[in-house]
Amino acid sequence: MKNLQPAMRENTRYLKFRIHSEEKVELSGFVDSFWDSAVDFLGSRTLSKASPWIIANKFDEEKQEGVIRVNREEIDAVRAALTLIQSFKGRNGFVEVVKISGAVRGVSESE
């Protein structure tokens, strides 16, 4: 199978986020809260255009930081959905977007 030409590929951006919560949040708790918030705020059509992908091996439970891959055109919508998260499995908290980059290496490096 041939690779797609660069002009036909989806343009993606990577969002680095930080979770602020009363207690440590596991990845599964964040994923559930993110999808609930995203579907409620964006709806299924916009969410499918955004095609967000939470990169599991980039989630650090100690620092409470992770990375999400998103379609470039819908980055503001996903960012807004992240800010609407108010709890993680019953624990109060919120999500802060730390950095946005065009390469995963750009958000993975420590600050």
Protein backbone atom coordinates (compact mmCIF):
# COMPACT_ATOMS: atom_id res chain seq x y z
CA MET A 1 0.00 0.00 0.00
CA LYS A 2 1.35 3.41 -0.99
CA ASN A 3 1.77 6.27 1.43
CA LEU A 4 -0.33 9.38 0.96
CA GLN A 5 1.29 12.40 -0.65
CA PRO A 6 2.03 15.23 1.78
CA ALA A 7 -0.73 17.43 0.35
CA MET A 8 -3.31 14.71 1.00
CA ARG A 9 -2.30 13.96 4.60
CA GLU A 10 -4.20 15.30 7.58
CA ASN A 11 -2.41 18.23 9.19
CA THR A 12 -2.08 17.55 12.89
CA ARG A 13 -1.01 19.46 15.96
CA TYR A 14 -0.07 18.17 19.39
CA LEU A 15 -1.50 19.62 22.61
CA LYS A 16 0.41 19.20 25.84
CA PHE A 17 -1.93 19.41 28.82
CA ARG A 18 -1.56 19.43 32.59
CA ILE A 19 -4.22 18.18 35.01
CA HIS A 20 -4.84 20.07 38.24
CA SER A 21 -6.86 17.96 40.66
CA GLU A 22 -7.42 17.21 44.33
CA GLU A 23 -5.85 13.77 43.86
CA LYS A 24 -3.78 12.03 41.20
CA VAL A 25 -5.80 11.20 38.08
CA GLU A 26 -5.25 7.98 36.16
CA LEU A 27 -5.25 7.96 32.36
CA SER A 28 -8.58 6.12 32.22
CA GLY A 29 -10.22 8.77 34.41
CA PHE A 30 -8.94 11.54 32.15
CA VAL A 31 -10.03 9.72 28.99
CA ASP A 32 -13.59 9.28 30.29
CA SER A 33 -13.84 12.93 31.32
CA PHE A 34 -12.35 14.15 28.03
CA TRP A 35 -14.74 12.16 25.84
CA ASP A 36 -17.77 13.18 27.92
CA SER A 37 -16.79 16.84 27.67
CA ALA A 38 -15.87 16.68 23.98
CA VAL A 39 -19.08 14.95 22.88
CA ASP A 40 -21.25 17.28 24.98
CA PHE A 41 -19.55 20.45 23.76
CA LEU A 42 -18.55 19.64 20.17
CA GLY A 43 -21.04 17.02 19.08
CA SER A 44 -20.12 13.95 17.11
CA ARG A 45 -19.66 15.70 13.74
CA THR A 46 -17.10 18.27 14.89
CA LEU A 47 -15.43 15.69 17.07
CA SER A 48 -14.98 13.39 14.09
CA LYS A 49 -13.41 16.27 12.11
CA ALA A 50 -11.04 16.97 15.01
CA SER A 51 -10.11 13.28 15.32
CA PRO A 52 -8.43 13.68 18.73
CA TRP A 53 -6.07 10.95 19.83
CA ILE A 54 -4.77 10.73 23.38
CA ILE A 55 -1.23 9.38 23.22
CA ALA A 56 -1.13 6.88 26.08
CA ASN A 57 2.64 6.43 26.35
CA LYS A 58 3.13 10.21 26.70
CA PHE A 59 0.91 10.45 29.81
CA ASP A 60 2.93 10.99 32.98
CA GLU A 61 0.93 10.16 36.12
CA GLU A 62 3.50 11.77 38.41
CA LYS A 63 3.51 15.15 36.64
CA GLN A 64 -0.14 14.77 35.56
CA GLU A 65 0.79 15.74 31.99
CA GLY A 66 -0.07 14.23 28.64
CA VAL A 67 -0.32 14.80 24.88
CA ILE A 68 -3.29 14.79 22.50
CA ARG A 69 -3.00 14.71 18.70
CA VAL A 70 -5.65 16.85 16.95
CA ASN A 71 -6.52 17.95 13.42
CA ARG A 72 -5.11 21.43 12.84
CA GLU A 73 -8.43 23.02 11.80
CA GLU A 74 -10.22 21.98 15.01
CA ILE A 75 -7.53 22.70 17.58
CA ASP A 76 -9.45 25.60 19.15
CA ALA A 77 -12.57 23.47 19.55
CA VAL A 78 -10.68 20.67 21.32
CA ARG A 79 -8.90 23.21 23.48
CA ALA A 80 -12.26 24.62 24.55
CA ALA A 81 -13.57 21.11 25.32
CA LEU A 82 -10.54 20.53 27.55
CA THR A 83 -11.21 23.69 29.52
CA LEU A 84 -14.77 22.55 30.22
CA ILE A 85 -13.64 19.48 32.17
CA GLN A 86 -14.45 20.07 35.85
CA SER A 87 -14.13 16.64 37.44
CA PHE A 88 -12.38 13.30 37.03
CA LYS A 89 -14.42 10.35 38.31
CA GLY A 90 -16.01 12.49 41.03
CA ARG A 91 -12.84 14.40 41.97
CA ASN A 92 -12.78 18.14 41.28
CA GLY A 93 -10.15 19.47 38.91
CA PHE A 94 -9.40 21.17 35.64
CA VAL A 95 -7.12 20.88 32.61
CA GLU A 96 -4.57 23.47 31.49
CA VAL A 97 -3.17 23.51 27.95
CA VAL A 98 0.56 24.05 28.36
CA LYS A 99 1.85 24.01 24.81
CA ILE A 100 0.84 23.39 21.19
CA SER A 101 3.27 22.13 18.57
CA GLY A 102 3.34 20.65 15.09
CA ALA A 103 5.62 17.81 16.19
CA VAL A 104 5.26 15.43 19.11
CA ARG A 105 8.90 16.05 19.99
CA GLY A 106 8.08 19.75 20.45
CA VAL A 107 5.64 19.06 23.29
CA SER A 108 7.44 16.05 24.76
CA GLU A 109 10.58 17.90 25.77
CA SER A 110 10.59 19.07 29.36
CA GLU A 111 10.38 22.79 29.98
